[in-house]
Amino acid sequence: MGLTALHRASIEPHTLDVPTKIVLNLLALTGIAFAGGQTRATLTVSAVVRPAARIEVQSATAVTVFATMYSNVEGLVWAAAGSCSSPENPRIIAASGFHAVSLSAEEVQGKNMVCFASSDGVLHASAHLQP
């Protein structure tokens, strides 16, 4: 099982709000109830996935970034000292998904956190690095 599969299995189940889960369940039950004597029924459901970002620190120089971004948006990942105010030598994440990011010892020297920001300014995340 690859790194991506392991991390997909660790997605926390709170990604849908409770009201969203209730609405989706009601839509499914309504479709079943009205299908009655029909041998075939069609139910169309659409969902909006909101942008989100999370950083998991694996070691002093390795992090995993999970990002769900709008299309045509990139993410920036960098090590910082104290605050994420300005990206310094950022790594670019070109698409949504799980991304293993390795930082060099020089990149984390004197830094105590890793930061993420999307190019559209919608997403920001940070985590403290392990000493």
N, C-alpha and C. Protein backbone atom coordinates (compact mmCIF):
# COMPACT_ATOMS: atom_id res chain seq x y z
N MET A 1 0.86 -1.17 0.00
CA MET A 1 0.00 0.00 0.00
C MET A 1 0.90 1.23 0.00
N GLY A 2 0.71 2.15 -0.94
CA GLY A 2 1.55 3.33 -1.05
C GLY A 2 1.21 4.39 -0.03
N LEU A 3 2.02 5.43 0.00
CA LEU A 3 1.84 6.54 0.94
C LEU A 3 0.47 7.18 0.76
N THR A 4 0.06 7.35 -0.50
CA THR A 4 -1.23 7.99 -0.76
C THR A 4 -2.37 7.15 -0.19
N ALA A 5 -2.32 5.84 -0.39
CA ALA A 5 -3.40 4.98 0.11
C ALA A 5 -3.44 4.98 1.63
N LEU A 6 -2.28 4.99 2.27
CA LEU A 6 -2.26 5.04 3.73
C LEU A 6 -2.89 6.31 4.25
N HIS A 7 -2.58 7.42 3.61
CA HIS A 7 -3.12 8.69 4.09
C HIS A 7 -4.57 8.87 3.72
N ARG A 8 -5.02 8.30 2.62
CA ARG A 8 -6.44 8.38 2.30
C ARG A 8 -7.26 7.65 3.36
N ALA A 9 -6.70 6.57 3.88
CA ALA A 9 -7.40 5.81 4.91
C ALA A 9 -7.49 6.60 6.21
N SER A 10 -6.62 7.61 6.37
CA SER A 10 -6.64 8.36 7.61
C SER A 10 -7.47 9.64 7.53
N ILE A 11 -8.19 9.83 6.45
CA ILE A 11 -9.04 11.02 6.35
C ILE A 11 -10.09 10.95 7.43
N GLU A 12 -10.22 12.02 8.16
CA GLU A 12 -11.16 12.03 9.27
C GLU A 12 -12.59 12.15 8.73
N PRO A 13 -13.55 11.48 9.35
CA PRO A 13 -14.91 11.44 8.82
C PRO A 13 -15.70 12.72 9.04
N HIS A 14 -15.10 13.78 9.51
CA HIS A 14 -15.84 15.01 9.76
C HIS A 14 -15.82 15.95 8.58
N THR A 15 -15.46 15.46 7.38
CA THR A 15 -15.37 16.33 6.23
C THR A 15 -16.73 16.84 5.75
N LEU A 16 -17.83 16.14 6.08
CA LEU A 16 -19.17 16.63 5.76
C LEU A 16 -19.83 17.12 7.04
N ASP A 17 -20.45 18.27 6.97
CA ASP A 17 -21.17 18.78 8.13
C ASP A 17 -22.37 17.88 8.40
N VAL A 18 -22.83 17.83 9.65
CA VAL A 18 -23.97 16.99 10.02
C VAL A 18 -25.20 17.33 9.18
N PRO A 19 -25.55 18.63 8.99
CA PRO A 19 -26.73 18.93 8.16
C PRO A 19 -26.58 18.39 6.73
N THR A 20 -25.38 18.39 6.18
CA THR A 20 -25.16 17.87 4.84
C THR A 20 -25.42 16.38 4.81
N LYS A 21 -24.96 15.66 5.83
CA LYS A 21 -25.18 14.22 5.90
C LYS A 21 -26.69 13.92 5.98
N ILE A 22 -27.40 14.70 6.76
CA ILE A 22 -28.85 14.49 6.92
C ILE A 22 -29.55 14.72 5.58
N VAL A 23 -29.20 15.78 4.88
CA VAL A 23 -29.83 16.09 3.59
C VAL A 23 -29.54 14.97 2.59
N LEU A 24 -28.29 14.52 2.53
CA LEU A 24 -27.96 13.43 1.60
C LEU A 24 -28.72 12.15 1.93
N ASN A 25 -28.85 11.83 3.21
CA ASN A 25 -29.61 10.64 3.61
C ASN A 25 -31.08 10.78 3.24
N LEU A 26 -31.65 11.95 3.47
CA LEU A 26 -33.06 12.16 3.11
C LEU A 26 -33.27 12.06 1.61
N LEU A 27 -32.35 12.59 0.83
CA LEU A 27 -32.46 12.48 -0.63
C LEU A 27 -32.42 11.01 -1.07
N ALA A 28 -31.54 10.25 -0.46
CA ALA A 28 -31.44 8.83 -0.81
C ALA A 28 -32.72 8.09 -0.44
N LEU A 29 -33.23 8.34 0.76
CA LEU A 29 -34.46 7.68 1.20
C LEU A 29 -35.65 8.09 0.36
N THR A 30 -35.72 9.36 -0.04
CA THR A 30 -36.82 9.83 -0.88
C THR A 30 -36.79 9.12 -2.23
N GLY A 31 -35.61 8.96 -2.78
CA GLY A 31 -35.48 8.26 -4.06
C GLY A 31 -35.94 6.82 -3.96
N ILE A 32 -35.61 6.16 -2.86
CA ILE A 32 -36.01 4.77 -2.66
C ILE A 32 -37.52 4.69 -2.47
N ALA A 33 -38.10 5.60 -1.70
CA ALA A 33 -39.54 5.58 -1.41
C ALA A 33 -40.36 5.79 -2.68
N PHE A 34 -39.94 6.71 -3.55
CA PHE A 34 -40.70 7.00 -4.75
C PHE A 34 -40.42 6.03 -5.88
N ALA A 35 -39.41 5.19 -5.74
CA ALA A 35 -39.12 4.20 -6.77
C ALA A 35 -40.21 3.14 -6.79
N GLY A 36 -40.85 2.87 -5.64
CA GLY A 36 -41.99 1.96 -5.52
C GLY A 36 -41.89 0.72 -6.37
N GLY A 37 -42.82 0.57 -7.34
CA GLY A 37 -42.87 -0.63 -8.17
C GLY A 37 -41.99 -0.56 -9.39
N GLN A 38 -41.25 0.49 -9.55
CA GLN A 38 -40.39 0.60 -10.72
C GLN A 38 -39.21 -0.35 -10.60
N THR A 39 -38.78 -0.82 -11.73
CA THR A 39 -37.61 -1.70 -11.73
C THR A 39 -36.32 -0.90 -11.85
N ARG A 40 -36.45 0.36 -12.18
CA ARG A 40 -35.26 1.19 -12.34
C ARG A 40 -35.58 2.61 -11.88
N ALA A 41 -34.67 3.20 -11.11
CA ALA A 41 -34.86 4.57 -10.64
C ALA A 41 -33.54 5.32 -10.78
N THR A 42 -33.64 6.61 -10.97
CA THR A 42 -32.45 7.45 -11.08
C THR A 42 -32.52 8.54 -10.03
N LEU A 43 -31.44 8.71 -9.33
CA LEU A 43 -31.35 9.75 -8.32
C LEU A 43 -30.08 10.54 -8.59
N THR A 44 -30.21 11.81 -8.76
CA THR A 44 -29.06 12.66 -9.03
C THR A 44 -28.76 13.49 -7.79
N VAL A 45 -27.52 13.42 -7.35
CA VAL A 45 -27.09 14.17 -6.17
C VAL A 45 -25.84 14.94 -6.54
N SER A 46 -25.79 16.19 -6.15
CA SER A 46 -24.56 16.96 -6.37
C SER A 46 -24.09 17.49 -5.03
N ALA A 47 -22.80 17.67 -4.92
CA ALA A 47 -22.22 18.15 -3.67
C ALA A 47 -21.14 19.18 -3.99
N VAL A 48 -20.96 20.09 -3.08
CA VAL A 48 -19.92 21.10 -3.21
C VAL A 48 -18.83 20.75 -2.20
N VAL A 49 -17.61 20.62 -2.70
CA VAL A 49 -16.48 20.33 -1.82
C VAL A 49 -15.77 21.64 -1.54
N ARG A 50 -15.73 22.00 -0.29
CA ARG A 50 -15.09 23.26 0.10
C ARG A 50 -13.58 23.09 0.17
N PRO A 51 -12.85 24.15 -0.14
CA PRO A 51 -11.39 24.07 -0.01
C PRO A 51 -11.00 23.79 1.44
N ALA A 52 -9.94 23.03 1.61
CA ALA A 52 -9.45 22.70 2.95
C ALA A 52 -7.97 22.37 2.87
N ALA A 53 -7.28 22.54 3.97
CA ALA A 53 -5.85 22.20 4.02
C ALA A 53 -5.50 21.70 5.41
N ARG A 54 -4.60 20.72 5.44
CA ARG A 54 -4.12 20.17 6.71
C ARG A 54 -2.67 19.75 6.53
N ILE A 55 -1.87 19.97 7.57
CA ILE A 55 -0.47 19.57 7.55
C ILE A 55 -0.25 18.57 8.68
N GLU A 56 0.38 17.45 8.35
CA GLU A 56 0.76 16.46 9.36
C GLU A 56 2.28 16.37 9.36
N VAL A 57 2.89 16.63 10.50
CA VAL A 57 4.34 16.58 10.62
C VAL A 57 4.76 15.13 10.84
N GLN A 58 5.63 14.63 9.97
CA GLN A 58 6.12 13.26 10.06
C GLN A 58 7.44 13.18 10.84
N SER A 59 8.30 14.18 10.62
CA SER A 59 9.59 14.25 11.31
C SER A 59 10.06 15.71 11.26
N ALA A 60 11.30 15.94 11.70
CA ALA A 60 11.82 17.30 11.72
C ALA A 60 11.98 17.87 10.32
N THR A 61 12.04 17.01 9.29
CA THR A 61 12.23 17.49 7.93
C THR A 61 11.20 16.95 6.93
N ALA A 62 10.17 16.28 7.41
CA ALA A 62 9.17 15.71 6.49
C ALA A 62 7.76 16.00 6.99
N VAL A 63 6.92 16.44 6.07
CA VAL A 63 5.52 16.72 6.37
C VAL A 63 4.65 16.15 5.25
N THR A 64 3.39 15.91 5.59
CA THR A 64 2.42 15.52 4.58
C THR A 64 1.37 16.63 4.57
N VAL A 65 1.10 17.14 3.38
CA VAL A 65 0.12 18.21 3.21
C VAL A 65 -1.08 17.63 2.46
N PHE A 66 -2.26 17.80 3.04
CA PHE A 66 -3.50 17.45 2.35
C PHE A 66 -4.17 18.76 1.98
N ALA A 67 -4.45 18.94 0.70
CA ALA A 67 -5.07 20.18 0.25
C ALA A 67 -6.18 19.88 -0.74
N THR A 68 -7.31 20.53 -0.55
CA THR A 68 -8.39 20.53 -1.52
C THR A 68 -8.54 21.97 -1.96
N MET A 69 -8.13 22.23 -3.19
CA MET A 69 -8.11 23.61 -3.68
C MET A 69 -9.01 23.74 -4.90
N TYR A 70 -9.42 24.97 -5.18
CA TYR A 70 -10.15 25.25 -6.41
C TYR A 70 -9.24 24.97 -7.59
N SER A 71 -9.83 24.75 -8.79
CA SER A 71 -9.01 24.52 -9.97
C SER A 71 -8.21 25.79 -10.28
N ASN A 72 -7.08 25.63 -10.91
CA ASN A 72 -6.17 26.72 -11.27
C ASN A 72 -5.59 27.44 -10.05
N VAL A 73 -5.55 26.77 -8.91
CA VAL A 73 -4.96 27.34 -7.70
C VAL A 73 -3.80 26.45 -7.29
N GLU A 74 -2.71 27.06 -6.87
CA GLU A 74 -1.55 26.32 -6.39
C GLU A 74 -1.41 26.54 -4.89
N GLY A 75 -0.68 25.63 -4.26
CA GLY A 75 -0.38 25.78 -2.85
C GLY A 75 1.11 26.00 -2.65
N LEU A 76 1.46 26.73 -1.63
CA LEU A 76 2.87 26.98 -1.29
C LEU A 76 3.14 26.39 0.08
N VAL A 77 4.26 25.68 0.22
CA VAL A 77 4.66 25.08 1.50
C VAL A 77 6.07 25.57 1.80
N TRP A 78 6.29 26.06 3.05
CA TRP A 78 7.61 26.53 3.42
C TRP A 78 7.81 26.42 4.93
N ALA A 79 9.09 26.40 5.33
CA ALA A 79 9.43 26.40 6.76
C ALA A 79 9.56 27.84 7.21
N ALA A 80 9.14 28.10 8.45
CA ALA A 80 9.15 29.48 8.96
C ALA A 80 9.58 29.50 10.42
N ALA A 81 10.01 30.68 10.85
CA ALA A 81 10.40 30.89 12.25
C ALA A 81 9.37 31.80 12.90
N GLY A 82 8.46 31.23 13.67
CA GLY A 82 7.53 32.03 14.46
C GLY A 82 6.22 32.40 13.79
N SER A 83 6.23 32.77 12.51
CA SER A 83 4.96 33.12 11.86
C SER A 83 5.05 32.80 10.38
N CYS A 84 3.89 32.70 9.76
CA CYS A 84 3.81 32.36 8.33
C CYS A 84 3.59 33.59 7.47
N SER A 85 4.10 34.72 7.89
CA SER A 85 3.79 35.97 7.22
C SER A 85 4.29 36.05 5.78
N SER A 86 5.50 35.59 5.49
CA SER A 86 5.98 35.67 4.11
C SER A 86 6.70 34.38 3.72
N PRO A 87 6.29 33.79 2.61
CA PRO A 87 6.91 32.53 2.17
C PRO A 87 8.39 32.72 1.83
N GLU A 88 9.21 31.81 2.34
CA GLU A 88 10.64 31.84 2.06
C GLU A 88 11.01 30.53 1.38
N ASN A 89 11.43 30.61 0.13
CA ASN A 89 11.77 29.43 -0.68
C ASN A 89 10.65 28.38 -0.64
N PRO A 90 9.43 28.75 -1.04
CA PRO A 90 8.32 27.80 -0.92
C PRO A 90 8.38 26.68 -1.95
N ARG A 91 7.85 25.53 -1.56
CA ARG A 91 7.63 24.42 -2.48
C ARG A 91 6.23 24.64 -3.06
N ILE A 92 6.06 24.29 -4.33
CA ILE A 92 4.76 24.50 -4.98
C ILE A 92 4.00 23.18 -5.08
N ILE A 93 2.74 23.21 -4.67
CA ILE A 93 1.83 22.09 -4.83
C ILE A 93 0.85 22.50 -5.92
N ALA A 94 0.88 21.76 -7.03
CA ALA A 94 0.14 22.17 -8.22
C ALA A 94 -1.32 21.70 -8.25
N ALA A 95 -1.67 20.71 -7.42
CA ALA A 95 -3.04 20.17 -7.49
C ALA A 95 -3.48 19.68 -6.12
N SER A 96 -4.77 19.51 -5.97
CA SER A 96 -5.33 18.97 -4.73
C SER A 96 -4.84 17.55 -4.51
N GLY A 97 -4.78 17.13 -3.25
CA GLY A 97 -4.40 15.75 -2.92
C GLY A 97 -3.48 15.69 -1.73
N PHE A 98 -2.90 14.51 -1.51
CA PHE A 98 -1.92 14.30 -0.45
C PHE A 98 -0.54 14.49 -1.05
N HIS A 99 0.29 15.25 -0.37
CA HIS A 99 1.62 15.54 -0.89
C HIS A 99 2.65 15.36 0.22
N ALA A 100 3.59 14.44 0.00
CA ALA A 100 4.70 14.26 0.93
C ALA A 100 5.76 15.31 0.57
N VAL A 101 6.12 16.13 1.55
CA VAL A 101 7.09 17.19 1.31
C VAL A 101 8.29 16.96 2.22
N SER A 102 9.46 16.85 1.61
CA SER A 102 10.70 16.69 2.37
C SER A 102 11.45 18.02 2.34
N LEU A 103 11.83 18.46 3.50
CA LEU A 103 12.60 19.70 3.62
C LEU A 103 14.03 19.34 3.99
N SER A 104 14.97 20.12 3.49
CA SER A 104 16.37 19.85 3.82
C SER A 104 16.68 20.38 5.22
N ALA A 105 17.76 19.90 5.80
CA ALA A 105 18.19 20.36 7.12
C ALA A 105 18.45 21.86 7.10
N GLU A 106 18.97 22.37 5.98
CA GLU A 106 19.22 23.81 5.86
C GLU A 106 17.92 24.61 5.85
N GLU A 107 16.88 24.06 5.21
CA GLU A 107 15.60 24.76 5.14
C GLU A 107 14.92 24.88 6.50
N VAL A 108 15.13 23.90 7.37
CA VAL A 108 14.46 23.94 8.67
C VAL A 108 15.36 24.48 9.79
N GLN A 109 16.62 24.73 9.50
CA GLN A 109 17.52 25.24 10.53
C GLN A 109 17.03 26.60 11.04
N GLY A 110 16.81 26.69 12.34
CA GLY A 110 16.32 27.92 12.95
C GLY A 110 14.82 28.15 12.75
N LYS A 111 14.11 27.18 12.17
CA LYS A 111 12.68 27.30 11.91
C LYS A 111 11.94 26.36 12.86
N ASN A 112 10.76 26.77 13.27
CA ASN A 112 10.00 25.93 14.20
C ASN A 112 8.63 25.53 13.67
N MET A 113 8.31 25.92 12.44
CA MET A 113 6.99 25.58 11.91
C MET A 113 7.05 25.44 10.39
N VAL A 114 6.03 24.77 9.87
CA VAL A 114 5.86 24.65 8.42
C VAL A 114 4.51 25.28 8.08
N CYS A 115 4.47 25.97 6.96
CA CYS A 115 3.28 26.75 6.59
C CYS A 115 2.77 26.34 5.21
N PHE A 116 1.48 26.52 5.01
CA PHE A 116 0.83 26.29 3.72
C PHE A 116 -0.09 27.47 3.44
N ALA A 117 -0.09 27.92 2.19
CA ALA A 117 -1.03 28.97 1.76
C ALA A 117 -1.38 28.70 0.30
N SER A 118 -2.64 28.91 -0.06
CA SER A 118 -3.04 28.75 -1.45
C SER A 118 -2.82 30.08 -2.18
N SER A 119 -2.58 29.98 -3.47
CA SER A 119 -2.28 31.19 -4.26
C SER A 119 -3.47 32.14 -4.35
N ASP A 120 -4.69 31.64 -4.12
CA ASP A 120 -5.86 32.52 -4.15
C ASP A 120 -6.14 33.16 -2.79
N GLY A 121 -5.34 32.81 -1.77
CA GLY A 121 -5.50 33.40 -0.45
C GLY A 121 -6.61 32.79 0.39
N VAL A 122 -7.29 31.75 -0.11
CA VAL A 122 -8.41 31.14 0.61
C VAL A 122 -7.92 30.24 1.74
N LEU A 123 -6.85 29.48 1.51
CA LEU A 123 -6.39 28.50 2.48
C LEU A 123 -5.09 28.91 3.17
N HIS A 124 -5.03 28.65 4.47
CA HIS A 124 -3.82 28.84 5.27
C HIS A 124 -3.81 27.72 6.30
N ALA A 125 -2.64 27.11 6.49
CA ALA A 125 -2.49 26.09 7.52
C ALA A 125 -1.04 26.14 8.00
N SER A 126 -0.83 25.72 9.24
CA SER A 126 0.52 25.66 9.77
C SER A 126 0.59 24.57 10.82
N ALA A 127 1.81 24.12 11.07
CA ALA A 127 2.04 23.11 12.11
C ALA A 127 3.44 23.32 12.65
N HIS A 128 3.62 22.98 13.93
CA HIS A 128 4.94 23.10 14.54
C HIS A 128 5.79 21.90 14.17
N LEU A 129 7.02 22.16 13.79
CA LEU A 129 7.96 21.11 13.44
C LEU A 129 8.47 20.43 14.71
N GLN A 130 8.82 19.16 14.56
CA GLN A 130 9.40 18.43 15.70
C GLN A 130 10.87 18.85 15.83
N PRO A 131 11.32 19.01 17.07
CA PRO A 131 12.73 19.41 17.24
C PRO A 131 13.70 18.31 16.87
